[in-house]
């Protein structure tokens, strides 16, 4: 398990050292709060700022999980993965290290935004709420880090990966209810939203942040915290099951794809293997 820890530490160190990226990852979400915040000012929402921030936080965790997979592509092309696999380590441990590193960094970004959000609108009245918020971010981070790793092992090219990542992240983000309420979307986009995993992650996470766990299913639907499809209400419990199911599928696919990848056929541009153990 030392390999898992080393890769996890490496990703964490890279995150801390990249201060410019860290600053912009904190500023950019609040830009969306400012731009889209007015949309949420309706009679059904008690705290529009917290409502908007909760969606921004979970989409930040989602996008960061996918973005960090680009480092996996760089590691493949640079020859770093070949250097790691020369040592007697199991590939599954390397995959676990990459996933845990990406999920930890994305969760930390979410935590930082939550902390800043406490000063502008988010309020927690229960001591358990921050714990549930953290667990939800960890869950989403791990699930979509698995998605990112699977894409990285399939694409294996940095420029192509960025295009694929953007093509996936943008629709899933904007058609999830995080920025624009589902009730305002046209019927065609609503159908797409219903098969969007981020729709359920957003609804579940927003319910936790707003501390609405005691509401009935009908009340959750009225407040945009649960999804109703042809009279069937997908409760937060079902939302969690959907996310965990998707996570299990992609974590399995990512691990199998990573184990079968032939890194010897990928071009090498640099060697940073020593950084892993420094």
C-alpha atoms as a PDB file:
ATOM      1  CA  UNK A   1       0.000   0.000   0.000  1.00  0.00           C
ATOM      2  CA  UNK A   2       3.069   2.247   0.085  1.00  0.00           C
ATOM      3  CA  UNK A   3       2.602   2.816  -3.659  1.00  0.00           C
ATOM      4  CA  UNK A   4      -0.956   4.025  -3.111  1.00  0.00           C
ATOM      5  CA  UNK A   5       0.225   6.419  -0.414  1.00  0.00           C
ATOM      6  CA  UNK A   6       3.152   7.671  -2.515  1.00  0.00           C
ATOM      7  CA  UNK A   7       0.927   8.444  -5.510  1.00  0.00           C
ATOM      8  CA  UNK A   8      -1.652  10.043  -3.238  1.00  0.00           C
ATOM      9  CA  UNK A   9       1.039  12.240  -1.641  1.00  0.00           C
ATOM     10  CA  UNK A  10       2.452  13.152  -5.051  1.00  0.00           C
ATOM     11  CA  UNK A  11      -0.917  14.407  -6.271  1.00  0.00           C
ATOM     12  CA  UNK A  12      -1.461  16.343  -3.062  1.00  0.00           C
ATOM     13  CA  UNK A  13       1.949  18.018  -3.331  1.00  0.00           C
ATOM     14  CA  UNK A  14       1.276  19.015  -6.923  1.00  0.00           C
ATOM     15  CA  UNK A  15      -2.039  20.563  -5.863  1.00  0.00           C
ATOM     16  CA  UNK A  16      -0.465  22.603  -3.054  1.00  0.00           C
ATOM     17  CA  UNK A  17       2.415  23.807  -5.228  1.00  0.00           C
ATOM     18  CA  UNK A  18       0.167  25.035  -8.038  1.00  0.00           C
ATOM     19  CA  UNK A  19      -1.026  28.163  -6.245  1.00  0.00           C
ATOM     20  CA  UNK A  20      -2.333  29.894  -9.376  1.00  0.00           C
ATOM     21  CA  UNK A  21      -4.635  26.985 -10.169  1.00  0.00           C
ATOM     22  CA  UNK A  22      -5.727  26.856  -6.534  1.00  0.00           C
ATOM     23  CA  UNK A  23      -6.656  30.542  -6.456  1.00  0.00           C
ATOM     24  CA  UNK A  24      -8.636  30.404  -9.686  1.00  0.00           C
ATOM     25  CA  UNK A  25     -10.394  27.198  -8.596  1.00  0.00           C
ATOM     26  CA  UNK A  26     -11.735  29.201  -5.644  1.00  0.00           C
ATOM     27  CA  UNK A  27     -12.585  32.406  -7.509  1.00  0.00           C
ATOM     28  CA  UNK A  28     -14.284  30.910 -10.554  1.00  0.00           C
ATOM     29  CA  UNK A  29     -17.139  29.149  -8.666  1.00  0.00           C
ATOM     30  CA  UNK A  30     -18.220  32.418  -7.080  1.00  0.00           C
ATOM     31  CA  UNK A  31     -18.445  33.935 -10.548  1.00  0.00           C
ATOM     32  CA  UNK A  32     -21.202  31.424 -11.294  1.00  0.00           C
ATOM     33  CA  UNK A  33     -22.898  32.283  -8.014  1.00  0.00           C
ATOM     34  CA  UNK A  34     -22.973  35.934  -9.044  1.00  0.00           C
ATOM     35  CA  UNK A  35     -24.105  35.311 -12.633  1.00  0.00           C
ATOM     36  CA  UNK A  36     -26.754  32.648 -11.988  1.00  0.00           C
ATOM     37  CA  UNK A  37     -27.771  33.613  -8.468  1.00  0.00           C
ATOM     38  CA  UNK A  38     -30.678  35.797  -9.591  1.00  0.00           C
ATOM     39  CA  UNK A  39     -32.335  32.812 -11.283  1.00  0.00           C
ATOM     40  CA  UNK A  40     -32.874  31.133  -7.931  1.00  0.00           C
ATOM     41  CA  UNK A  41     -34.620  34.062  -6.278  1.00  0.00           C
ATOM     42  CA  UNK A  42     -38.129  32.675  -6.267  1.00  0.00           C
ATOM     43  CA  UNK A  43     -40.728  31.995  -3.620  1.00  0.00           C
ATOM     44  CA  UNK A  44     -39.749  28.376  -3.098  1.00  0.00           C
ATOM     45  CA  UNK A  45     -36.139  29.048  -2.065  1.00  0.00           C
ATOM     46  CA  UNK A  46     -35.368  30.400   1.374  1.00  0.00           C
ATOM     47  CA  UNK A  47     -31.633  30.915   0.857  1.00  0.00           C
ATOM     48  CA  UNK A  48     -30.825  31.408  -2.842  1.00  0.00           C
ATOM     49  CA  UNK A  49     -27.103  31.958  -2.208  1.00  0.00           C
ATOM     50  CA  UNK A  50     -26.730  28.665  -0.336  1.00  0.00           C
ATOM     51  CA  UNK A  51     -28.920  26.968  -2.946  1.00  0.00           C
ATOM     52  CA  UNK A  52     -26.652  28.159  -5.735  1.00  0.00           C
ATOM     53  CA  UNK A  53     -23.419  27.521  -3.859  1.00  0.00           C
ATOM     54  CA  UNK A  54     -24.353  23.927  -3.115  1.00  0.00           C
ATOM     55  CA  UNK A  55     -24.688  23.251  -6.843  1.00  0.00           C
ATOM     56  CA  UNK A  56     -21.446  25.069  -7.612  1.00  0.00           C
ATOM     57  CA  UNK A  57     -19.551  23.120  -4.946  1.00  0.00           C
ATOM     58  CA  UNK A  58     -20.557  19.679  -6.159  1.00  0.00           C
ATOM     59  CA  UNK A  59     -19.910  20.560  -9.812  1.00  0.00           C
ATOM     60  CA  UNK A  60     -16.473  21.841  -8.804  1.00  0.00           C
ATOM     61  CA  UNK A  61     -15.732  18.475  -7.204  1.00  0.00           C
ATOM     62  CA  UNK A  62     -17.032  16.736 -10.331  1.00  0.00           C
ATOM     63  CA  UNK A  63     -15.031  18.850 -12.792  1.00  0.00           C
ATOM     64  CA  UNK A  64     -11.873  18.713 -10.676  1.00  0.00           C
ATOM     65  CA  UNK A  65     -12.072  14.920 -10.569  1.00  0.00           C
ATOM     66  CA  UNK A  66     -12.145  14.798 -14.359  1.00  0.00           C
ATOM     67  CA  UNK A  67      -9.512  17.519 -14.770  1.00  0.00           C
ATOM     68  CA  UNK A  68      -7.034  15.736 -12.545  1.00  0.00           C
ATOM     69  CA  UNK A  69      -7.244  12.693 -14.774  1.00  0.00           C
ATOM     70  CA  UNK A  70      -5.273  14.736 -17.325  1.00  0.00           C
ATOM     71  CA  UNK A  71      -2.246  14.277 -15.056  1.00  0.00           C
ATOM     72  CA  UNK A  72      -2.670  10.535 -15.574  1.00  0.00           C
ATOM     73  CA  UNK A  73      -2.438  11.075 -19.325  1.00  0.00           C
ATOM     74  CA  UNK A  74       0.717  13.147 -18.817  1.00  0.00           C
ATOM     75  CA  UNK A  75       2.176  10.398 -16.636  1.00  0.00           C
ATOM     76  CA  UNK A  76       1.467   7.841 -19.336  1.00  0.00           C
ATOM     77  CA  UNK A  77       3.060   9.853 -22.145  1.00  0.00           C
ATOM     78  CA  UNK A  78       6.027  11.095 -20.095  1.00  0.00           C
ATOM     79  CA  UNK A  79       7.072   7.591 -19.191  1.00  0.00           C
ATOM     80  CA  UNK A  80       6.346   8.011 -15.494  1.00  0.00           C
ATOM     81  CA  UNK A  81       3.939   5.076 -15.471  1.00  0.00           C
ATOM     82  CA  UNK A  82       6.527   2.828 -17.097  1.00  0.00           C
ATOM     83  CA  UNK A  83       9.061   3.800 -14.432  1.00  0.00           C
ATOM     84  CA  UNK A  84       6.584   3.052 -11.661  1.00  0.00           C
ATOM     85  CA  UNK A  85       5.588  -0.292 -13.136  1.00  0.00           C
ATOM     86  CA  UNK A  86       9.223  -1.377 -13.441  1.00  0.00           C
ATOM     87  CA  UNK A  87       9.168  -1.699  -9.659  1.00  0.00           C
ATOM     88  CA  UNK A  88       7.423  -4.729  -8.103  1.00  0.00           C
ATOM     89  CA  UNK A  89       4.055  -3.072  -7.561  1.00  0.00           C
ATOM     90  CA  UNK A  90       0.594  -4.207  -8.538  1.00  0.00           C
ATOM     91  CA  UNK A  91      -1.075  -2.130 -11.209  1.00  0.00           C
ATOM     92  CA  UNK A  92      -4.281  -2.086  -9.227  1.00  0.00           C
ATOM     93  CA  UNK A  93      -2.415  -0.255  -6.443  1.00  0.00           C
ATOM     94  CA  UNK A  94      -1.214   2.336  -8.949  1.00  0.00           C
ATOM     95  CA  UNK A  95      -4.783   2.805 -10.190  1.00  0.00           C
ATOM     96  CA  UNK A  96      -6.012   3.149  -6.621  1.00  0.00           C
ATOM     97  CA  UNK A  97      -3.335   5.763  -5.931  1.00  0.00           C
ATOM     98  CA  UNK A  98      -4.357   7.806  -8.980  1.00  0.00           C
ATOM     99  CA  UNK A  99      -8.056   7.652  -8.059  1.00  0.00           C
ATOM    100  CA  UNK A 100      -7.514   8.507  -4.397  1.00  0.00           C
ATOM    101  CA  UNK A 101      -5.192  11.368  -5.310  1.00  0.00           C
ATOM    102  CA  UNK A 102      -7.712  12.913  -7.715  1.00  0.00           C
ATOM    103  CA  UNK A 103     -10.649  12.414  -5.354  1.00  0.00           C
ATOM    104  CA  UNK A 104      -8.759  13.905  -2.394  1.00  0.00           C
ATOM    105  CA  UNK A 105      -7.705  17.008  -4.298  1.00  0.00           C
ATOM    106  CA  UNK A 106     -11.191  17.564  -5.725  1.00  0.00           C
ATOM    107  CA  UNK A 107     -12.699  17.119  -2.252  1.00  0.00           C
ATOM    108  CA  UNK A 108     -10.238  19.623  -0.784  1.00  0.00           C
ATOM    109  CA  UNK A 109     -11.290  22.160  -3.408  1.00  0.00           C
ATOM    110  CA  UNK A 110     -14.897  21.573  -2.445  1.00  0.00           C
ATOM    111  CA  UNK A 111     -14.077  21.963   1.263  1.00  0.00           C
ATOM    112  CA  UNK A 112     -12.331  25.293   0.626  1.00  0.00           C
ATOM    113  CA  UNK A 113     -15.379  26.623  -1.239  1.00  0.00           C
ATOM    114  CA  UNK A 114     -17.649  25.433   1.588  1.00  0.00           C
ATOM    115  CA  UNK A 115     -15.497  27.324   4.090  1.00  0.00           C
ATOM    116  CA  UNK A 116     -15.699  30.502   2.019  1.00  0.00           C
ATOM    117  CA  UNK A 117     -19.426  29.913   1.543  1.00  0.00           C
ATOM    118  CA  UNK A 118     -19.942  30.002   5.311  1.00  0.00           C
ATOM    119  CA  UNK A 119     -19.152  33.717   5.160  1.00  0.00           C
ATOM    120  CA  UNK A 120     -21.628  34.580   2.417  1.00  0.00           C
ATOM    121  CA  UNK A 121     -24.733  32.463   2.908  1.00  0.00           C
ATOM    122  CA  UNK A 122     -24.232  28.822   3.873  1.00  0.00           C
ATOM    123  CA  UNK A 123     -25.393  28.016   7.402  1.00  0.00           C
ATOM    124  CA  UNK A 124     -25.134  24.715   9.242  1.00  0.00           C
ATOM    125  CA  UNK A 125     -27.389  24.310  12.265  1.00  0.00           C
ATOM    126  CA  UNK A 126     -26.427  20.685  12.930  1.00  0.00           C
ATOM    127  CA  UNK A 127     -22.942  19.456  13.758  1.00  0.00           C
ATOM    128  CA  UNK A 128     -23.613  16.399  11.575  1.00  0.00           C
ATOM    129  CA  UNK A 129     -24.220  18.435   8.418  1.00  0.00           C
ATOM    130  CA  UNK A 130     -20.519  19.219   7.704  1.00  0.00           C
ATOM    131  CA  UNK A 131     -19.728  15.512   8.138  1.00  0.00           C
ATOM    132  CA  UNK A 132     -22.410  14.484   5.650  1.00  0.00           C
ATOM    133  CA  UNK A 133     -21.272  17.237   3.258  1.00  0.00           C
ATOM    134  CA  UNK A 134     -17.710  15.927   3.411  1.00  0.00           C
ATOM    135  CA  UNK A 135     -18.806  12.320   2.875  1.00  0.00           C
ATOM    136  CA  UNK A 136     -20.934  13.334  -0.116  1.00  0.00           C
ATOM    137  CA  UNK A 137     -18.012  15.191  -1.710  1.00  0.00           C
ATOM    138  CA  UNK A 138     -15.687  12.231  -1.126  1.00  0.00           C
ATOM    139  CA  UNK A 139     -18.237   9.902  -2.735  1.00  0.00           C
ATOM    140  CA  UNK A 140     -18.670  12.106  -5.813  1.00  0.00           C
ATOM    141  CA  UNK A 141     -14.910  12.666  -6.020  1.00  0.00           C
ATOM    142  CA  UNK A 142     -14.125   8.946  -6.014  1.00  0.00           C
ATOM    143  CA  UNK A 143     -16.890   8.103  -8.500  1.00  0.00           C
ATOM    144  CA  UNK A 144     -15.870  10.668 -11.111  1.00  0.00           C
ATOM    145  CA  UNK A 145     -12.157  10.140 -10.522  1.00  0.00           C
ATOM    146  CA  UNK A 146     -12.874   6.610 -11.671  1.00  0.00           C
ATOM    147  CA  UNK A 147     -14.641   8.012 -14.730  1.00  0.00           C
ATOM    148  CA  UNK A 148     -11.661  10.279 -15.401  1.00  0.00           C
ATOM    149  CA  UNK A 149      -9.140   7.454 -15.051  1.00  0.00           C
ATOM    150  CA  UNK A 150     -11.150   5.291 -17.436  1.00  0.00           C
ATOM    151  CA  UNK A 151     -11.206   8.098 -20.014  1.00  0.00           C
ATOM    152  CA  UNK A 152      -7.473   8.647 -19.532  1.00  0.00           C
ATOM    153  CA  UNK A 153      -6.651   5.006 -20.214  1.00  0.00           C
ATOM    154  CA  UNK A 154      -8.861   5.004 -23.303  1.00  0.00           C
ATOM    155  CA  UNK A 155      -7.779   8.348 -24.812  1.00  0.00           C
ATOM    156  CA  UNK A 156      -4.055   8.363 -23.850  1.00  0.00           C
ATOM    157  CA  UNK A 157      -3.479  11.768 -25.424  1.00  0.00           C
ATOM    158  CA  UNK A 158      -3.427  15.042 -23.518  1.00  0.00           C
ATOM    159  CA  UNK A 159      -5.005  17.290 -26.163  1.00  0.00           C
ATOM    160  CA  UNK A 160      -7.652  14.745 -27.107  1.00  0.00           C
ATOM    161  CA  UNK A 161      -8.434  14.149 -23.452  1.00  0.00           C
ATOM    162  CA  UNK A 162      -9.104  17.854 -22.862  1.00  0.00           C
ATOM    163  CA  UNK A 163     -11.540  17.897 -25.786  1.00  0.00           C
ATOM    164  CA  UNK A 164     -13.303  14.746 -24.597  1.00  0.00           C
ATOM    165  CA  UNK A 165     -13.391  15.992 -21.013  1.00  0.00           C
ATOM    166  CA  UNK A 166     -14.914  19.319 -22.015  1.00  0.00           C
ATOM    167  CA  UNK A 167     -17.458  17.611 -24.266  1.00  0.00           C
ATOM    168  CA  UNK A 168     -18.548  15.471 -21.324  1.00  0.00           C
ATOM    169  CA  UNK A 169     -18.263  17.908 -18.424  1.00  0.00           C
ATOM    170  CA  UNK A 170     -20.023  20.920 -19.960  1.00  0.00           C
ATOM    171  CA  UNK A 171     -23.360  19.222 -20.773  1.00  0.00           C
ATOM    172  CA  UNK A 172     -23.389  17.189 -17.562  1.00  0.00           C
ATOM    173  CA  UNK A 173     -22.725  20.326 -15.526  1.00  0.00           C
ATOM    174  CA  UNK A 174     -25.220  22.694 -17.100  1.00  0.00           C
ATOM    175  CA  UNK A 175     -27.995  20.098 -17.473  1.00  0.00           C
ATOM    176  CA  UNK A 176     -27.946  19.006 -13.856  1.00  0.00           C
ATOM    177  CA  UNK A 177     -29.869  21.722 -12.037  1.00  0.00           C
ATOM    178  CA  UNK A 178     -26.681  23.103 -10.502  1.00  0.00           C
ATOM    179  CA  UNK A 179     -26.790  26.408 -12.384  1.00  0.00           C
ATOM    180  CA  UNK A 180     -30.232  26.431 -13.972  1.00  0.00           C
ATOM    181  CA  UNK A 181     -33.279  24.818 -12.301  1.00  0.00           C
ATOM    182  CA  UNK A 182     -34.613  21.804 -14.155  1.00  0.00           C
ATOM    183  CA  UNK A 183     -38.058  23.404 -14.215  1.00  0.00           C
ATOM    184  CA  UNK A 184     -36.701  26.098 -16.548  1.00  0.00           C
ATOM    185  CA  UNK A 185     -35.262  23.635 -19.060  1.00  0.00           C
ATOM    186  CA  UNK A 186     -37.161  22.674 -22.232  1.00  0.00           C
ATOM    187  CA  UNK A 187     -38.673  19.200 -22.274  1.00  0.00           C
ATOM    188  CA  UNK A 188     -35.944  17.789 -24.533  1.00  0.00           C
ATOM    189  CA  UNK A 189     -33.201  18.844 -22.143  1.00  0.00           C
ATOM    190  CA  UNK A 190     -35.201  17.555 -19.181  1.00  0.00           C
ATOM    191  CA  UNK A 191     -35.092  14.072 -20.695  1.00  0.00           C
ATOM    192  CA  UNK A 192     -31.315  14.359 -20.969  1.00  0.00           C
ATOM    193  CA  UNK A 193     -31.149  15.650 -17.384  1.00  0.00           C
ATOM    194  CA  UNK A 194     -32.977  12.556 -16.156  1.00  0.00           C
ATOM    195  CA  UNK A 195     -30.180  10.311 -17.456  1.00  0.00           C
ATOM    196  CA  UNK A 196     -27.460  12.674 -16.241  1.00  0.00           C
ATOM    197  CA  UNK A 197     -25.774  11.284 -13.096  1.00  0.00           C
ATOM    198  CA  UNK A 198     -24.829  14.793 -11.990  1.00  0.00           C
ATOM    199  CA  UNK A 199     -28.528  15.650 -11.721  1.00  0.00           C
ATOM    200  CA  UNK A 200     -28.888  13.184  -8.875  1.00  0.00           C
ATOM    201  CA  UNK A 201     -25.576  14.104  -7.272  1.00  0.00           C
ATOM    202  CA  UNK A 202     -26.584  17.771  -7.298  1.00  0.00           C
ATOM    203  CA  UNK A 203     -30.050  17.144  -5.843  1.00  0.00           C
ATOM    204  CA  UNK A 204     -28.705  14.918  -3.076  1.00  0.00           C
ATOM    205  CA  UNK A 205     -25.828  17.218  -2.154  1.00  0.00           C
ATOM    206  CA  UNK A 206     -28.043  20.302  -2.196  1.00  0.00           C
ATOM    207  CA  UNK A 207     -30.504  18.623   0.158  1.00  0.00           C
ATOM    208  CA  UNK A 208     -27.669  17.975   2.641  1.00  0.00           C
ATOM    209  CA  UNK A 209     -26.232  21.490   2.463  1.00  0.00           C
ATOM    210  CA  UNK A 210     -29.651  23.104   2.900  1.00  0.00           C
ATOM    211  CA  UNK A 211     -30.463  20.661   5.723  1.00  0.00           C
ATOM    212  CA  UNK A 212     -33.757  19.549   4.150  1.00  0.00           C
ATOM    213  CA  UNK A 213     -33.462  15.875   5.051  1.00  0.00           C
ATOM    214  CA  UNK A 214     -36.655  15.999   7.098  1.00  0.00           C
ATOM    215  CA  UNK A 215     -38.902  17.013   4.200  1.00  0.00           C
ATOM    216  CA  UNK A 216     -41.312  14.630   2.516  1.00  0.00           C
ATOM    217  CA  UNK A 217     -40.706  13.429  -1.041  1.00  0.00           C
ATOM    218  CA  UNK A 218     -43.320  15.835  -2.408  1.00  0.00           C
ATOM    219  CA  UNK A 219     -41.765  18.775  -0.588  1.00  0.00           C
ATOM    220  CA  UNK A 220     -38.324  17.852  -1.893  1.00  0.00           C
ATOM    221  CA  UNK A 221     -39.698  17.863  -5.446  1.00  0.00           C
ATOM    222  CA  UNK A 222     -41.298  21.282  -4.931  1.00  0.00           C
ATOM    223  CA  UNK A 223     -37.992  22.705  -3.746  1.00  0.00           C
ATOM    224  CA  UNK A 224     -36.003  21.115  -6.560  1.00  0.00           C
ATOM    225  CA  UNK A 225     -34.225  18.677  -4.243  1.00  0.00           C
ATOM    226  CA  UNK A 226     -35.702  15.506  -5.728  1.00  0.00           C
ATOM    227  CA  UNK A 227     -36.579  14.474  -9.267  1.00  0.00           C
ATOM    228  CA  UNK A 228     -40.042  13.414 -10.405  1.00  0.00           C
ATOM    229  CA  UNK A 229     -40.304  11.412 -13.626  1.00  0.00           C
ATOM    230  CA  UNK A 230     -43.842  10.663 -14.828  1.00  0.00           C
ATOM    231  CA  UNK A 231     -45.171  10.616 -11.291  1.00  0.00           C
ATOM    232  CA  UNK A 232     -42.300   8.539  -9.875  1.00  0.00           C
ATOM    233  CA  UNK A 233     -40.194  10.433  -7.360  1.00  0.00           C
ATOM    234  CA  UNK A 234     -36.505   9.626  -7.194  1.00  0.00           C
ATOM    235  CA  UNK A 235     -35.739  10.285  -3.556  1.00  0.00           C
ATOM    236  CA  UNK A 236     -32.283  11.207  -2.258  1.00  0.00           C
ATOM    237  CA  UNK A 237     -31.793   7.575  -1.202  1.00  0.00           C
ATOM    238  CA  UNK A 238     -32.317   6.405  -4.791  1.00  0.00           C
ATOM    239  CA  UNK A 239     -30.051   9.221  -5.977  1.00  0.00           C
ATOM    240  CA  UNK A 240     -27.237   7.879  -3.807  1.00  0.00           C
ATOM    241  CA  UNK A 241     -27.811   4.371  -5.135  1.00  0.00           C
ATOM    242  CA  UNK A 242     -27.606   5.675  -8.704  1.00  0.00           C
ATOM    243  CA  UNK A 243     -24.322   7.469  -8.030  1.00  0.00           C
ATOM    244  CA  UNK A 244     -22.822   4.467  -6.230  1.00  0.00           C
ATOM    245  CA  UNK A 245     -23.928   2.174  -9.046  1.00  0.00           C
ATOM    246  CA  UNK A 246     -22.278   4.383 -11.660  1.00  0.00           C
ATOM    247  CA  UNK A 247     -19.191   4.591  -9.485  1.00  0.00           C
ATOM    248  CA  UNK A 248     -18.934   0.821  -9.144  1.00  0.00           C
ATOM    249  CA  UNK A 249     -19.232   0.376 -12.910  1.00  0.00           C
ATOM    250  CA  UNK A 250     -16.596   2.964 -13.829  1.00  0.00           C
ATOM    251  CA  UNK A 251     -14.196   2.061 -11.038  1.00  0.00           C
ATOM    252  CA  UNK A 252     -14.274  -1.507 -12.338  1.00  0.00           C
ATOM    253  CA  UNK A 253     -13.842  -0.369 -15.954  1.00  0.00           C
ATOM    254  CA  UNK A 254     -11.063   2.059 -15.021  1.00  0.00           C
ATOM    255  CA  UNK A 255      -9.127  -0.540 -13.044  1.00  0.00           C
ATOM    256  CA  UNK A 256      -9.436  -3.199 -15.750  1.00  0.00           C
ATOM    257  CA  UNK A 257      -8.484  -0.741 -18.501  1.00  0.00           C
ATOM    258  CA  UNK A 258      -5.512   0.542 -16.510  1.00  0.00           C
ATOM    259  CA  UNK A 259      -4.260  -2.983 -15.792  1.00  0.00           C
ATOM    260  CA  UNK A 260      -4.460  -3.941 -19.484  1.00  0.00           C
ATOM    261  CA  UNK A 261      -2.849  -0.753 -20.855  1.00  0.00           C
ATOM    262  CA  UNK A 262       0.496  -1.338 -22.571  1.00  0.00           C
ATOM    263  CA  UNK A 263       2.512   1.681 -21.423  1.00  0.00           C
ATOM    264  CA  UNK A 264       5.551   0.576 -23.434  1.00  0.00           C
ATOM    265  CA  UNK A 265       3.789   1.725 -26.607  1.00  0.00           C
ATOM    266  CA  UNK A 266       3.262   5.257 -25.366  1.00  0.00           C
ATOM    267  CA  UNK A 267       5.750   7.960 -26.260  1.00  0.00           C
ATOM    268  CA  UNK A 268       8.015   9.296 -23.570  1.00  0.00           C
ATOM    269  CA  UNK A 269       8.889  12.993 -23.277  1.00  0.00           C
ATOM    270  CA  UNK A 270      10.334  13.231 -19.771  1.00  0.00           C
ATOM    271  CA  UNK A 271      11.000  11.241 -16.648  1.00  0.00           C
ATOM    272  CA  UNK A 272       9.725  12.379 -13.294  1.00  0.00           C
ATOM    273  CA  UNK A 273       9.794   9.045 -11.539  1.00  0.00           C
ATOM    274  CA  UNK A 274      12.100  10.367  -8.831  1.00  0.00           C
ATOM    275  CA  UNK A 275       9.388  12.830  -7.753  1.00  0.00           C
ATOM    276  CA  UNK A 276       7.214   9.975  -6.574  1.00  0.00           C
ATOM    277  CA  UNK A 277       9.608   8.966  -3.854  1.00  0.00           C
ATOM    278  CA  UNK A 278      10.919  12.427  -2.897  1.00  0.00           C
END
